[in-house]
Amino acid sequence: MNKDITFHINNMAYTINVDPQMEKELTKFLDLDKNNDTKDLLAAYIRITQEYSTFKDDINKLSNKLARF
């Protein structure tokens, strides 16, 4: 079931509709209960990008190992 969540960034509200899993990922690094500034948004983006990059590298390593079989 999708739900609306609202982020406050630089005193402006941004509401998006997401599923529960996406909500968990989006709220991991941004607080829904406070006004976030651009620095918080950038830091969250960098953390999520770093997680994705690490995950991608791990998948590539596994794929390369499986390709040898």
C-alpha atoms as a PDB file:
ATOM      1  CA  MET A   1       0.000   0.000   0.000  1.00  0.00           C
ATOM      2  CA  ASN A   2       1.529   3.309  -1.064  1.00  0.00           C
ATOM      3  CA  LYS A   3       1.568   6.327   1.181  1.00  0.00           C
ATOM      4  CA  ASP A   4       2.412  10.006   0.955  1.00  0.00           C
ATOM      5  CA  ILE A   5       5.491  11.203   2.791  1.00  0.00           C
ATOM      6  CA  THR A   6       6.569  14.823   3.106  1.00  0.00           C
ATOM      7  CA  PHE A   7      10.118  16.078   3.366  1.00  0.00           C
ATOM      8  CA  HIS A   8      10.857  19.640   4.434  1.00  0.00           C
ATOM      9  CA  ILE A   9      13.920  20.986   2.687  1.00  0.00           C
ATOM     10  CA  ASN A  10      14.934  24.634   3.095  1.00  0.00           C
ATOM     11  CA  ASN A  11      11.501  25.405   4.569  1.00  0.00           C
ATOM     12  CA  MET A  12       9.677  24.015   1.537  1.00  0.00           C
ATOM     13  CA  ALA A  13       7.519  20.879   1.663  1.00  0.00           C
ATOM     14  CA  TYR A  14       7.944  18.114  -0.910  1.00  0.00           C
ATOM     15  CA  THR A  15       5.359  15.324  -0.842  1.00  0.00           C
ATOM     16  CA  ILE A  16       5.848  12.082  -2.730  1.00  0.00           C
ATOM     17  CA  ASN A  17       3.871   8.853  -2.905  1.00  0.00           C
ATOM     18  CA  VAL A  18       5.959   5.740  -2.176  1.00  0.00           C
ATOM     19  CA  ASP A  19       5.640   2.112  -1.169  1.00  0.00           C
ATOM     20  CA  PRO A  20       6.786   1.013   2.328  1.00  0.00           C
ATOM     21  CA  GLN A  21      10.169  -0.283   1.133  1.00  0.00           C
ATOM     22  CA  MET A  22      10.959   2.970  -0.672  1.00  0.00           C
ATOM     23  CA  GLU A  23       9.882   4.947   2.398  1.00  0.00           C
ATOM     24  CA  LYS A  24      12.339   2.960   4.513  1.00  0.00           C
ATOM     25  CA  GLU A  25      15.170   3.712   2.086  1.00  0.00           C
ATOM     26  CA  LEU A  26      14.324   7.409   1.721  1.00  0.00           C
ATOM     27  CA  THR A  27      13.984   8.036   5.443  1.00  0.00           C
ATOM     28  CA  LYS A  28      17.212   6.225   6.289  1.00  0.00           C
ATOM     29  CA  PHE A  29      19.222   9.422   5.873  1.00  0.00           C
ATOM     30  CA  LEU A  30      16.616  12.229   5.860  1.00  0.00           C
ATOM     31  CA  ASP A  31      14.476  13.107   8.859  1.00  0.00           C
ATOM     32  CA  LEU A  32      10.753  13.617   8.186  1.00  0.00           C
ATOM     33  CA  ASP A  33      10.270  15.410  11.508  1.00  0.00           C
ATOM     34  CA  LYS A  34      12.602  18.351  10.910  1.00  0.00           C
ATOM     35  CA  ASN A  35      13.470  20.909   8.304  1.00  0.00           C
ATOM     36  CA  ASN A  36      16.415  19.541   6.354  1.00  0.00           C
ATOM     37  CA  ASP A  37      18.748  21.882   4.536  1.00  0.00           C
ATOM     38  CA  THR A  38      20.485  21.405   1.212  1.00  0.00           C
ATOM     39  CA  LYS A  39      23.562  20.048   2.993  1.00  0.00           C
ATOM     40  CA  ASP A  40      21.442  17.260   4.559  1.00  0.00           C
ATOM     41  CA  LEU A  41      19.942  16.422   1.167  1.00  0.00           C
ATOM     42  CA  LEU A  42      23.368  16.269  -0.462  1.00  0.00           C
ATOM     43  CA  ALA A  43      24.779  14.122   2.361  1.00  0.00           C
ATOM     44  CA  ALA A  44      21.852  11.689   2.031  1.00  0.00           C
ATOM     45  CA  TYR A  45      22.366  11.505  -1.733  1.00  0.00           C
ATOM     46  CA  ILE A  46      26.071  10.762  -1.294  1.00  0.00           C
ATOM     47  CA  ARG A  47      25.389   8.039   1.309  1.00  0.00           C
ATOM     48  CA  ILE A  48      22.785   6.341  -0.895  1.00  0.00           C
ATOM     49  CA  THR A  49      25.086   6.593  -3.920  1.00  0.00           C
ATOM     50  CA  GLN A  50      27.885   5.034  -1.893  1.00  0.00           C
ATOM     51  CA  GLU A  51      25.586   2.164  -0.815  1.00  0.00           C
ATOM     52  CA  TYR A  52      24.537   1.613  -4.433  1.00  0.00           C
ATOM     53  CA  SER A  53      28.136   1.666  -5.654  1.00  0.00           C
ATOM     54  CA  THR A  54      29.205  -0.895  -3.043  1.00  0.00           C
ATOM     55  CA  PHE A  55      26.214  -3.088  -3.888  1.00  0.00           C
ATOM     56  CA  LYS A  56      26.974  -2.832  -7.614  1.00  0.00           C
ATOM     57  CA  ASP A  57      30.614  -3.833  -7.048  1.00  0.00           C
ATOM     58  CA  ASP A  58      29.538  -6.831  -4.958  1.00  0.00           C
ATOM     59  CA  ILE A  59      27.088  -7.961  -7.648  1.00  0.00           C
ATOM     60  CA  ASN A  60      29.738  -7.588 -10.349  1.00  0.00           C
ATOM     61  CA  LYS A  61      32.204  -9.680  -8.332  1.00  0.00           C
ATOM     62  CA  LEU A  62      29.591 -12.399  -7.834  1.00  0.00           C
ATOM     63  CA  SER A  63      28.658 -12.314 -11.517  1.00  0.00           C
ATOM     64  CA  ASN A  64      32.287 -12.706 -12.520  1.00  0.00           C
ATOM     65  CA  LYS A  65      32.694 -15.692 -10.187  1.00  0.00           C
ATOM     66  CA  LEU A  66      29.528 -17.327 -11.523  1.00  0.00           C
ATOM     67  CA  ALA A  67      30.584 -16.727 -15.129  1.00  0.00           C
ATOM     68  CA  ARG A  68      33.558 -19.060 -14.600  1.00  0.00           C
ATOM     69  CA  PHE A  69      31.248 -22.043 -13.952  1.00  0.00           C
END
